[in-house]
Amino acid sequence: MSSPLKAHALHAEAQTHPGAARVGIGGPVGSGKTRLLEQLIPRFIARGIELAIITNDLATREDAERVQRSGLIDPQRVRAVETGACPHTAIREDPTLNLQMADELEAR
């Protein structure tokens, strides 16, 4: 299935699965994605919004570990996906690991 068809299928599935909103933050290495999360987490929590975080990286868990150590969120609510390839490409081609992890976190 091509990427546009996958995206359409995933969007259609999301419409039939009510539950947590899922938001992706993407950008180049060093662009401030993790820093943005560190700024957003307290704001969401102050509004009573429960959240979980899934980070994606080529071969490390560095960003997930940074958020876990921050004390801003229960470390059990943070997961890391090591994509083994460029995270943007890996997610676009096959988001399965991210979707499974999101489902697992939402079930908690």
PDB file of N, CA and C in Angstrom:
ATOM      1  N   MET A   1       0.859  -1.175   0.000  1.00  0.00           N
ATOM      2  CA  MET A   1       0.000   0.000   0.000  1.00  0.00           C
ATOM      3  C   MET A   1       0.900   1.231   0.000  1.00  0.00           C
ATOM      4  N   SER A   2       0.629   2.183  -0.865  1.00  0.00           N
ATOM      5  CA  SER A   2       1.447   3.392  -0.942  1.00  0.00           C
ATOM      6  C   SER A   2       1.219   4.269   0.285  1.00  0.00           C
ATOM      7  N   SER A   3       2.147   5.179   0.536  1.00  0.00           N
ATOM      8  CA  SER A   3       2.054   6.040   1.716  1.00  0.00           C
ATOM      9  C   SER A   3       0.763   6.848   1.776  1.00  0.00           C
ATOM     10  N   PRO A   4       0.313   7.494   0.660  1.00  0.00           N
ATOM     11  CA  PRO A   4      -0.956   8.234   0.742  1.00  0.00           C
ATOM     12  C   PRO A   4      -2.134   7.320   1.086  1.00  0.00           C
ATOM     13  N   LEU A   5      -2.116   6.105   0.549  1.00  0.00           N
ATOM     14  CA  LEU A   5      -3.199   5.173   0.873  1.00  0.00           C
ATOM     15  C   LEU A   5      -3.118   4.733   2.325  1.00  0.00           C
ATOM     16  N   LYS A   6      -1.893   4.502   2.822  1.00  0.00           N
ATOM     17  CA  LYS A   6      -1.717   4.149   4.233  1.00  0.00           C
ATOM     18  C   LYS A   6      -2.234   5.272   5.118  1.00  0.00           C
ATOM     19  N   ALA A   7      -1.852   6.494   4.786  1.00  0.00           N
ATOM     20  CA  ALA A   7      -2.280   7.641   5.591  1.00  0.00           C
ATOM     21  C   ALA A   7      -3.798   7.744   5.605  1.00  0.00           C
ATOM     22  N   HIS A   8      -4.424   7.541   4.458  1.00  0.00           N
ATOM     23  CA  HIS A   8      -5.886   7.597   4.379  1.00  0.00           C
ATOM     24  C   HIS A   8      -6.505   6.484   5.223  1.00  0.00           C
ATOM     25  N   ALA A   9      -5.945   5.279   5.139  1.00  0.00           N
ATOM     26  CA  ALA A   9      -6.464   4.149   5.914  1.00  0.00           C
ATOM     27  C   ALA A   9      -6.309   4.407   7.408  1.00  0.00           C
ATOM     28  N   LEU A  10      -5.167   4.956   7.809  1.00  0.00           N
ATOM     29  CA  LEU A  10      -4.946   5.254   9.225  1.00  0.00           C
ATOM     30  C   LEU A  10      -5.903   6.335   9.702  1.00  0.00           C
ATOM     31  N   HIS A  11      -6.134   7.346   8.869  1.00  0.00           N
ATOM     32  CA  HIS A  11      -7.071   8.408   9.233  1.00  0.00           C
ATOM     33  C   HIS A  11      -8.474   7.833   9.398  1.00  0.00           C
ATOM     34  N   ALA A  12      -8.875   6.971   8.483  1.00  0.00           N
ATOM     35  CA  ALA A  12     -10.200   6.351   8.562  1.00  0.00           C
ATOM     36  C   ALA A  12     -10.318   5.508   9.826  1.00  0.00           C
ATOM     37  N   GLU A  13      -9.253   4.777  10.161  1.00  0.00           N
ATOM     38  CA  GLU A  13      -9.279   3.958  11.373  1.00  0.00           C
ATOM     39  C   GLU A  13      -9.379   4.837  12.611  1.00  0.00           C
ATOM     40  N   ALA A  14      -8.669   5.948  12.625  1.00  0.00           N
ATOM     41  CA  ALA A  14      -8.705   6.854  13.775  1.00  0.00           C
ATOM     42  C   ALA A  14     -10.107   7.392  13.998  1.00  0.00           C
ATOM     43  N   GLN A  15     -10.841   7.611  12.932  1.00  0.00           N
ATOM     44  CA  GLN A  15     -12.201   8.130  13.053  1.00  0.00           C
ATOM     45  C   GLN A  15     -13.137   7.116  13.700  1.00  0.00           C
ATOM     46  N   THR A  16     -12.822   5.834  13.577  1.00  0.00           N
ATOM     47  CA  THR A  16     -13.687   4.801  14.146  1.00  0.00           C
ATOM     48  C   THR A  16     -13.208   4.337  15.514  1.00  0.00           C
ATOM     49  N   HIS A  17     -12.061   4.848  15.971  1.00  0.00           N
ATOM     50  CA  HIS A  17     -11.511   4.479  17.276  1.00  0.00           C
ATOM     51  C   HIS A  17     -11.439   5.702  18.173  1.00  0.00           C
ATOM     52  N   PRO A  18     -12.524   6.019  18.866  1.00  0.00           N
ATOM     53  CA  PRO A  18     -12.427   7.161  19.773  1.00  0.00           C
ATOM     54  C   PRO A  18     -11.421   6.857  20.877  1.00  0.00           C
ATOM     55  N   GLY A  19     -10.785   7.847  21.359  1.00  0.00           N
ATOM     56  CA  GLY A  19      -9.799   7.647  22.418  1.00  0.00           C
ATOM     57  C   GLY A  19      -8.898   8.855  22.487  1.00  0.00           C
ATOM     58  N   ALA A  20      -7.702   8.610  22.910  1.00  0.00           N
ATOM     59  CA  ALA A  20      -6.741   9.692  23.095  1.00  0.00           C
ATOM     60  C   ALA A  20      -6.392  10.356  21.776  1.00  0.00           C
ATOM     61  N   ALA A  21      -6.229  11.663  21.835  1.00  0.00           N
ATOM     62  CA  ALA A  21      -5.713  12.389  20.673  1.00  0.00           C
ATOM     63  C   ALA A  21      -4.237  12.053  20.538  1.00  0.00           C
ATOM     64  N   ARG A  22      -3.774  11.925  19.333  1.00  0.00           N
ATOM     65  CA  ARG A  22      -2.367  11.606  19.079  1.00  0.00           C
ATOM     66  C   ARG A  22      -1.768  12.721  18.245  1.00  0.00           C
ATOM     67  N   VAL A  23      -0.700  13.300  18.777  1.00  0.00           N
ATOM     68  CA  VAL A  23      -0.066  14.450  18.138  1.00  0.00           C
ATOM     69  C   VAL A  23       1.389  14.106  17.862  1.00  0.00           C
ATOM     70  N   GLY A  24       1.847  14.380  16.661  1.00  0.00           N
ATOM     71  CA  GLY A  24       3.243  14.145  16.309  1.00  0.00           C
ATOM     72  C   GLY A  24       4.004  15.451  16.218  1.00  0.00           C
ATOM     73  N   ILE A  25       5.217  15.442  16.726  1.00  0.00           N
ATOM     74  CA  ILE A  25       6.104  16.605  16.619  1.00  0.00           C
ATOM     75  C   ILE A  25       7.332  16.134  15.851  1.00  0.00           C
ATOM     76  N   GLY A  26       7.582  16.724  14.717  1.00  0.00           N
ATOM     77  CA  GLY A  26       8.713  16.312  13.891  1.00  0.00           C
ATOM     78  C   GLY A  26       9.613  17.484  13.569  1.00  0.00           C
ATOM     79  N   GLY A  27      10.824  17.169  13.195  1.00  0.00           N
ATOM     80  CA  GLY A  27      11.764  18.206  12.799  1.00  0.00           C
ATOM     81  C   GLY A  27      13.172  17.656  12.767  1.00  0.00           C
ATOM     82  N   PRO A  28      14.098  18.432  12.242  1.00  0.00           N
ATOM     83  CA  PRO A  28      15.487  17.996  12.149  1.00  0.00           C
ATOM     84  C   PRO A  28      16.133  17.818  13.524  1.00  0.00           C
ATOM     85  N   VAL A  29      17.227  17.082  13.544  1.00  0.00           N
ATOM     86  CA  VAL A  29      18.010  16.894  14.762  1.00  0.00           C
ATOM     87  C   VAL A  29      18.395  18.261  15.311  1.00  0.00           C
ATOM     88  N   GLY A  30      18.192  18.445  16.610  1.00  0.00           N
ATOM     89  CA  GLY A  30      18.589  19.691  17.259  1.00  0.00           C
ATOM     90  C   GLY A  30      17.632  20.850  17.074  1.00  0.00           C
ATOM     91  N   SER A  31      16.459  20.590  16.518  1.00  0.00           N
ATOM     92  CA  SER A  31      15.525  21.693  16.247  1.00  0.00           C
ATOM     93  C   SER A  31      14.681  22.088  17.455  1.00  0.00           C
ATOM     94  N   GLY A  32      14.745  21.309  18.546  1.00  0.00           N
ATOM     95  CA  GLY A  32      14.023  21.688  19.758  1.00  0.00           C
ATOM     96  C   GLY A  32      12.764  20.886  20.044  1.00  0.00           C
ATOM     97  N   LYS A  33      12.624  19.722  19.432  1.00  0.00           N
ATOM     98  CA  LYS A  33      11.417  18.901  19.647  1.00  0.00           C
ATOM     99  C   LYS A  33      11.282  18.472  21.107  1.00  0.00           C
ATOM    100  N   THR A  34      12.356  17.972  21.681  1.00  0.00           N
ATOM    101  CA  THR A  34      12.306  17.519  23.073  1.00  0.00           C
ATOM    102  C   THR A  34      12.131  18.707  24.005  1.00  0.00           C
ATOM    103  N   ARG A  35      12.776  19.797  23.716  1.00  0.00           N
ATOM    104  CA  ARG A  35      12.617  21.018  24.531  1.00  0.00           C
ATOM    105  C   ARG A  35      11.170  21.498  24.481  1.00  0.00           C
ATOM    106  N   LEU A  36      10.545  21.434  23.317  1.00  0.00           N
ATOM    107  CA  LEU A  36       9.138  21.798  23.191  1.00  0.00           C
ATOM    108  C   LEU A  36       8.283  20.897  24.079  1.00  0.00           C
ATOM    109  N   LEU A  37       8.561  19.598  24.063  1.00  0.00           N
ATOM    110  CA  LEU A  37       7.825  18.679  24.941  1.00  0.00           C
ATOM    111  C   LEU A  37       7.980  19.082  26.399  1.00  0.00           C
ATOM    112  N   GLU A  38       9.200  19.423  26.789  1.00  0.00           N
ATOM    113  CA  GLU A  38       9.449  19.811  28.180  1.00  0.00           C
ATOM    114  C   GLU A  38       8.673  21.069  28.564  1.00  0.00           C
ATOM    115  N   GLN A  39       8.385  21.911  27.605  1.00  0.00           N
ATOM    116  CA  GLN A  39       7.577  23.105  27.864  1.00  0.00           C
ATOM    117  C   GLN A  39       6.081  22.782  27.876  1.00  0.00           C
ATOM    118  N   LEU A  40       5.665  21.847  27.039  1.00  0.00           N
ATOM    119  CA  LEU A  40       4.241  21.509  26.931  1.00  0.00           C
ATOM    120  C   LEU A  40       3.735  20.615  28.063  1.00  0.00           C
ATOM    121  N   ILE A  41       4.562  19.691  28.534  1.00  0.00           N
ATOM    122  CA  ILE A  41       4.117  18.722  29.549  1.00  0.00           C
ATOM    123  C   ILE A  41       3.482  19.413  30.754  1.00  0.00           C
ATOM    124  N   PRO A  42       4.151  20.373  31.407  1.00  0.00           N
ATOM    125  CA  PRO A  42       3.530  21.002  32.579  1.00  0.00           C
ATOM    126  C   PRO A  42       2.220  21.722  32.248  1.00  0.00           C
ATOM    127  N   ARG A  43       2.149  22.294  31.066  1.00  0.00           N
ATOM    128  CA  ARG A  43       0.921  23.003  30.675  1.00  0.00           C
ATOM    129  C   ARG A  43      -0.246  22.037  30.502  1.00  0.00           C
ATOM    130  N   PHE A  44       0.013  20.901  29.881  1.00  0.00           N
ATOM    131  CA  PHE A  44      -1.044  19.894  29.732  1.00  0.00           C
ATOM    132  C   PHE A  44      -1.470  19.360  31.098  1.00  0.00           C
ATOM    133  N   ILE A  45      -0.503  19.027  31.936  1.00  0.00           N
ATOM    134  CA  ILE A  45      -0.806  18.472  33.257  1.00  0.00           C
ATOM    135  C   ILE A  45      -1.594  19.481  34.088  1.00  0.00           C
ATOM    136  N   ALA A  46      -1.235  20.766  34.016  1.00  0.00           N
ATOM    137  CA  ALA A  46      -1.953  21.810  34.759  1.00  0.00           C
ATOM    138  C   ALA A  46      -3.418  21.894  34.342  1.00  0.00           C
ATOM    139  N   ARG A  47      -3.711  21.490  33.136  1.00  0.00           N
ATOM    140  CA  ARG A  47      -5.098  21.502  32.640  1.00  0.00           C
ATOM    141  C   ARG A  47      -5.795  20.159  32.855  1.00  0.00           C
ATOM    142  N   GLY A  48      -5.127  19.258  33.563  1.00  0.00           N
ATOM    143  CA  GLY A  48      -5.733  17.962  33.850  1.00  0.00           C
ATOM    144  C   GLY A  48      -5.707  16.995  32.680  1.00  0.00           C
ATOM    145  N   ILE A  49      -4.854  17.259  31.712  1.00  0.00           N
ATOM    146  CA  ILE A  49      -4.756  16.396  30.537  1.00  0.00           C
ATOM    147  C   ILE A  49      -3.725  15.307  30.805  1.00  0.00           C
ATOM    148  N   GLU A  50      -4.160  14.058  30.705  1.00  0.00           N
ATOM    149  CA  GLU A  50      -3.235  12.934  30.845  1.00  0.00           C
ATOM    150  C   GLU A  50      -2.489  12.768  29.535  1.00  0.00           C
ATOM    151  N   LEU A  51      -1.208  12.450  29.618  1.00  0.00           N
ATOM    152  CA  LEU A  51      -0.461  12.266  28.394  1.00  0.00           C
ATOM    153  C   LEU A  51       0.586  11.187  28.527  1.00  0.00           C
ATOM    154  N   ALA A  52       1.026  10.735  27.389  1.00  0.00           N
ATOM    155  CA  ALA A  52       2.123   9.784  27.275  1.00  0.00           C
ATOM    156  C   ALA A  52       2.966  10.248  26.096  1.00  0.00           C
ATOM    157  N   ILE A  53       4.211   9.843  26.088  1.00  0.00           N
ATOM    158  CA  ILE A  53       5.134  10.307  25.055  1.00  0.00           C
ATOM    159  C   ILE A  53       5.845   9.119  24.432  1.00  0.00           C
ATOM    160  N   ILE A  54       5.935   9.151  23.112  1.00  0.00           N
ATOM    161  CA  ILE A  54       6.699   8.157  22.359  1.00  0.00           C
ATOM    162  C   ILE A  54       7.725   8.927  21.543  1.00  0.00           C
ATOM    163  N   THR A  55       8.997   8.640  21.776  1.00  0.00           N
ATOM    164  CA  THR A  55      10.044   9.285  20.991  1.00  0.00           C
ATOM    165  C   THR A  55      10.519   8.319  19.913  1.00  0.00           C
ATOM    166  N   ASN A  56      11.046   8.861  18.850  1.00  0.00           N
ATOM    167  CA  ASN A  56      11.589   8.064  17.748  1.00  0.00           C
ATOM    168  C   ASN A  56      12.994   8.543  17.456  1.00  0.00           C
ATOM    169  N   ASP A  57      13.918   7.595  17.332  1.00  0.00           N
ATOM    170  CA  ASP A  57      15.288   7.944  16.996  1.00  0.00           C
ATOM    171  C   ASP A  57      15.902   6.791  16.212  1.00  0.00           C
ATOM    172  N   LEU A  58      16.949   7.106  15.501  1.00  0.00           N
ATOM    173  CA  LEU A  58      17.620   6.123  14.669  1.00  0.00           C
ATOM    174  C   LEU A  58      18.094   4.915  15.482  1.00  0.00           C
ATOM    175  N   ALA A  59      18.851   5.152  16.540  1.00  0.00           N
ATOM    176  CA  ALA A  59      19.434   4.026  17.267  1.00  0.00           C
ATOM    177  C   ALA A  59      19.639   4.284  18.753  1.00  0.00           C
ATOM    178  N   THR A  60      19.023   5.319  19.307  1.00  0.00           N
ATOM    179  CA  THR A  60      19.204   5.596  20.733  1.00  0.00           C
ATOM    180  C   THR A  60      17.857   5.840  21.402  1.00  0.00           C
ATOM    181  N   ARG A  61      17.895   5.856  22.721  1.00  0.00           N
ATOM    182  CA  ARG A  61      16.717   6.163  23.522  1.00  0.00           C
ATOM    183  C   ARG A  61      16.946   7.489  24.265  1.00  0.00           C
ATOM    184  N   GLU A  62      17.894   8.260  23.774  1.00  0.00           N
ATOM    185  CA  GLU A  62      18.359   9.466  24.465  1.00  0.00           C
ATOM    186  C   GLU A  62      17.235  10.446  24.808  1.00  0.00           C
ATOM    187  N   ASP A  63      16.383  10.759  23.853  1.00  0.00           N
ATOM    188  CA  ASP A  63      15.320  11.735  24.114  1.00  0.00           C
ATOM    189  C   ASP A  63      14.307  11.198  25.119  1.00  0.00           C
ATOM    190  N   ALA A  64      13.949   9.928  25.000  1.00  0.00           N
ATOM    191  CA  ALA A  64      13.011   9.335  25.957  1.00  0.00           C
ATOM    192  C   ALA A  64      13.609   9.353  27.358  1.00  0.00           C
ATOM    193  N   GLU A  65      14.878   9.000  27.467  1.00  0.00           N
ATOM    194  CA  GLU A  65      15.536   8.987  28.774  1.00  0.00           C
ATOM    195  C   GLU A  65      15.619  10.397  29.357  1.00  0.00           C
ATOM    196  N   ARG A  66      15.846  11.383  28.523  1.00  0.00           N
ATOM    197  CA  ARG A  66      15.888  12.781  28.991  1.00  0.00           C
ATOM    198  C   ARG A  66      14.542  13.181  29.583  1.00  0.00           C
ATOM    199  N   VAL A  67      13.451  12.847  28.893  1.00  0.00           N
ATOM    200  CA  VAL A  67      12.116  13.187  29.393  1.00  0.00           C
ATOM    201  C   VAL A  67      11.821  12.392  30.665  1.00  0.00           C
ATOM    202  N   GLN A  68      12.216  11.126  30.708  1.00  0.00           N
ATOM    203  CA  GLN A  68      11.991  10.316  31.906  1.00  0.00           C
ATOM    204  C   GLN A  68      12.715  10.908  33.109  1.00  0.00           C
ATOM    205  N   ARG A  69      13.937  11.371  32.913  1.00  0.00           N
ATOM    206  CA  ARG A  69      14.731  11.951  34.012  1.00  0.00           C
ATOM    207  C   ARG A  69      14.245  13.333  34.430  1.00  0.00           C
ATOM    208  N   SER A  70      13.496  13.994  33.584  1.00  0.00           N
ATOM    209  CA  SER A  70      13.095  15.382  33.843  1.00  0.00           C
ATOM    210  C   SER A  70      12.199  15.528  35.067  1.00  0.00           C
ATOM    211  N   GLY A  71      11.485  14.462  35.441  1.00  0.00           N
ATOM    212  CA  GLY A  71      10.555  14.547  36.558  1.00  0.00           C
ATOM    213  C   GLY A  71       9.239  15.208  36.187  1.00  0.00           C
ATOM    214  N   LEU A  72       9.059  15.541  34.921  1.00  0.00           N
ATOM    215  CA  LEU A  72       7.839  16.212  34.478  1.00  0.00           C
ATOM    216  C   LEU A  72       6.668  15.254  34.295  1.00  0.00           C
ATOM    217  N   ILE A  73       6.958  13.988  34.082  1.00  0.00           N
ATOM    218  CA  ILE A  73       5.937  12.995  33.782  1.00  0.00           C
ATOM    219  C   ILE A  73       6.402  11.654  34.344  1.00  0.00           C
ATOM    220  N   ASP A  74       5.462  10.815  34.718  1.00  0.00           N
ATOM    221  CA  ASP A  74       5.791   9.477  35.198  1.00  0.00           C
ATOM    222  C   ASP A  74       6.634   8.774  34.131  1.00  0.00           C
ATOM    223  N   PRO A  75       7.827   8.315  34.471  1.00  0.00           N
ATOM    224  CA  PRO A  75       8.687   7.665  33.479  1.00  0.00           C
ATOM    225  C   PRO A  75       8.026   6.479  32.771  1.00  0.00           C
ATOM    226  N   GLN A  76       7.055   5.849  33.418  1.00  0.00           N
ATOM    227  CA  GLN A  76       6.343   4.733  32.789  1.00  0.00           C
ATOM    228  C   GLN A  76       5.457   5.193  31.634  1.00  0.00           C
ATOM    229  N   ARG A  77       5.234   6.496  31.528  1.00  0.00           N
ATOM    230  CA  ARG A  77       4.390   7.056  30.460  1.00  0.00           C
ATOM    231  C   ARG A  77       5.221   7.511  29.259  1.00  0.00           C
ATOM    232  N   VAL A  78       6.511   7.173  29.262  1.00  0.00           N
ATOM    233  CA  VAL A  78       7.413   7.570  28.176  1.00  0.00           C
ATOM    234  C   VAL A  78       8.012   6.309  27.556  1.00  0.00           C
ATOM    235  N   ARG A  79       7.918   6.212  26.244  1.00  0.00           N
ATOM    236  CA  ARG A  79       8.468   5.067  25.518  1.00  0.00           C
ATOM    237  C   ARG A  79       9.355   5.574  24.384  1.00  0.00           C
ATOM    238  N   ALA A  80      10.265   4.717  23.949  1.00  0.00           N
ATOM    239  CA  ALA A  80      11.156   5.061  22.839  1.00  0.00           C
ATOM    240  C   ALA A  80      11.060   4.001  21.752  1.00  0.00           C
ATOM    241  N   VAL A  81      11.015   4.450  20.517  1.00  0.00           N
ATOM    242  CA  VAL A  81      11.093   3.560  19.360  1.00  0.00           C
ATOM    243  C   VAL A  81      12.433   3.828  18.690  1.00  0.00           C
ATOM    244  N   GLU A  82      13.241   2.782  18.568  1.00  0.00           N
ATOM    245  CA  GLU A  82      14.486   2.880  17.816  1.00  0.00           C
ATOM    246  C   GLU A  82      14.164   2.387  16.409  1.00  0.00           C
ATOM    247  N   THR A  83      14.142   3.301  15.462  1.00  0.00           N
ATOM    248  CA  THR A  83      13.648   3.000  14.120  1.00  0.00           C
ATOM    249  C   THR A  83      14.634   2.237  13.249  1.00  0.00           C
ATOM    250  N   GLY A  84      15.936   2.359  13.524  1.00  0.00           N
ATOM    251  CA  GLY A  84      16.927   1.694  12.691  1.00  0.00           C
ATOM    252  C   GLY A  84      17.120   2.380  11.343  1.00  0.00           C
ATOM    253  N   ALA A  85      16.402   3.455  11.125  1.00  0.00           N
ATOM    254  CA  ALA A  85      16.498   4.248   9.892  1.00  0.00           C
ATOM    255  C   ALA A  85      16.091   5.668  10.242  1.00  0.00           C
ATOM    256  N   CYS A  86      16.141   6.544   9.291  1.00  0.00           N
ATOM    257  CA  CYS A  86      15.684   7.910   9.521  1.00  0.00           C
ATOM    258  C   CYS A  86      14.274   7.852  10.103  1.00  0.00           C
ATOM    259  N   PRO A  87      14.050   8.403  11.304  1.00  0.00           N
ATOM    260  CA  PRO A  87      12.730   8.293  11.932  1.00  0.00           C
ATOM    261  C   PRO A  87      11.583   8.785  11.061  1.00  0.00           C
ATOM    262  N   HIS A  88      11.796   9.885  10.342  1.00  0.00           N
ATOM    263  CA  HIS A  88      10.711  10.410   9.506  1.00  0.00           C
ATOM    264  C   HIS A  88      10.315   9.402   8.433  1.00  0.00           C
ATOM    265  N   THR A  89      11.316   8.806   7.796  1.00  0.00           N
ATOM    266  CA  THR A  89      11.050   7.814   6.755  1.00  0.00           C
ATOM    267  C   THR A  89      10.425   6.569   7.355  1.00  0.00           C
ATOM    268  N   ALA A  90      10.961   6.107   8.475  1.00  0.00           N
ATOM    269  CA  ALA A  90      10.449   4.887   9.099  1.00  0.00           C
ATOM    270  C   ALA A  90       8.985   5.036   9.488  1.00  0.00           C
ATOM    271  N   ILE A  91       8.622   6.163  10.052  1.00  0.00           N
ATOM    272  CA  ILE A  91       7.233   6.387  10.467  1.00  0.00           C
ATOM    273  C   ILE A  91       6.322   6.485   9.247  1.00  0.00           C
ATOM    274  N   ARG A  92       6.788   7.176   8.238  1.00  0.00           N
ATOM    275  CA  ARG A  92       5.977   7.337   7.029  1.00  0.00           C
ATOM    276  C   ARG A  92       5.751   5.985   6.342  1.00  0.00           C
ATOM    277  N   GLU A  93       6.788   5.159   6.278  1.00  0.00           N
ATOM    278  CA  GLU A  93       6.681   3.876   5.585  1.00  0.00           C
ATOM    279  C   GLU A  93       5.917   2.827   6.387  1.00  0.00           C
ATOM    280  N   ASP A  94       6.127   2.797   7.700  1.00  0.00           N
ATOM    281  CA  ASP A  94       5.447   1.792   8.518  1.00  0.00           C
ATOM    282  C   ASP A  94       5.325   2.290   9.958  1.00  0.00           C
ATOM    283  N   PRO A  95       4.203   2.885  10.298  1.00  0.00           N
ATOM    284  CA  PRO A  95       4.005   3.433  11.644  1.00  0.00           C
ATOM    285  C   PRO A  95       3.583   2.389  12.684  1.00  0.00           C
ATOM    286  N   THR A  96       3.646   1.108  12.335  1.00  0.00           N
ATOM    287  CA  THR A  96       3.121   0.049  13.197  1.00  0.00           C
ATOM    288  C   THR A  96       3.656   0.106  14.622  1.00  0.00           C
ATOM    289  N   LEU A  97       4.978   0.220  14.798  1.00  0.00           N
ATOM    290  CA  LEU A  97       5.543   0.242  16.157  1.00  0.00           C
ATOM    291  C   LEU A  97       4.989   1.395  16.976  1.00  0.00           C
ATOM    292  N   ASN A  98       4.875   2.556  16.361  1.00  0.00           N
ATOM    293  CA  ASN A  98       4.333   3.713  17.068  1.00  0.00           C
ATOM    294  C   ASN A  98       2.869   3.505  17.426  1.00  0.00           C
ATOM    295  N   LEU A  99       2.104   2.965  16.511  1.00  0.00           N
ATOM    296  CA  LEU A  99       0.681   2.730  16.772  1.00  0.00           C
ATOM    297  C   LEU A  99       0.489   1.703  17.882  1.00  0.00           C
ATOM    298  N   GLN A 100       1.283   0.634  17.851  1.00  0.00           N
ATOM    299  CA  GLN A 100       1.183  -0.384  18.900  1.00  0.00           C
ATOM    300  C   GLN A 100       1.549   0.193  20.261  1.00  0.00           C
ATOM    301  N   MET A 101       2.613   0.987  20.298  1.00  0.00           N
ATOM    302  CA  MET A 101       3.035   1.590  21.558  1.00  0.00           C
ATOM    303  C   MET A 101       1.982   2.565  22.072  1.00  0.00           C
ATOM    304  N   ALA A 102       1.394   3.340  21.173  1.00  0.00           N
ATOM    305  CA  ALA A 102       0.342   4.281  21.569  1.00  0.00           C
ATOM    306  C   ALA A 102      -0.864   3.526  22.118  1.00  0.00           C
ATOM    307  N   ASP A 103      -1.252   2.444  21.470  1.00  0.00           N
ATOM    308  CA  ASP A 103      -2.369   1.630  21.958  1.00  0.00           C
ATOM    309  C   ASP A 103      -2.070   1.074  23.348  1.00  0.00           C
ATOM    310  N   GLU A 104      -0.832   0.602  23.538  1.00  0.00           N
ATOM    311  CA  GLU A 104      -0.423   0.048  24.834  1.00  0.00           C
ATOM    312  C   GLU A 104      -0.483   1.112  25.926  1.00  0.00           C
ATOM    313  N   LEU A 105       0.039   2.293  25.642  1.00  0.00           N
ATOM    314  CA  LEU A 105       0.024   3.373  26.628  1.00  0.00           C
ATOM    315  C   LEU A 105      -1.396   3.843  26.916  1.00  0.00           C
ATOM    316  N   GLU A 106      -2.227   3.886  25.897  1.00  0.00           N
ATOM    317  CA  GLU A 106      -3.609   4.326  26.086  1.00  0.00           C
ATOM    318  C   GLU A 106      -4.395   3.334  26.944  1.00  0.00           C
ATOM    319  N   ALA A 107      -4.056   2.065  26.848  1.00  0.00           N
ATOM    320  CA  ALA A 107      -4.763   1.028  27.608  1.00  0.00           C
ATOM    321  C   ALA A 107      -4.440   1.090  29.099  1.00  0.00           C
ATOM    322  N   ARG A 108      -3.353   1.759  29.468  1.00  0.00           N
ATOM    323  CA  ARG A 108      -2.935   1.831  30.885  1.00  0.00           C
ATOM    324  C   ARG A 108      -3.788   2.784  31.661  1.00  0.00           C
TER     325      ARG A 108
END
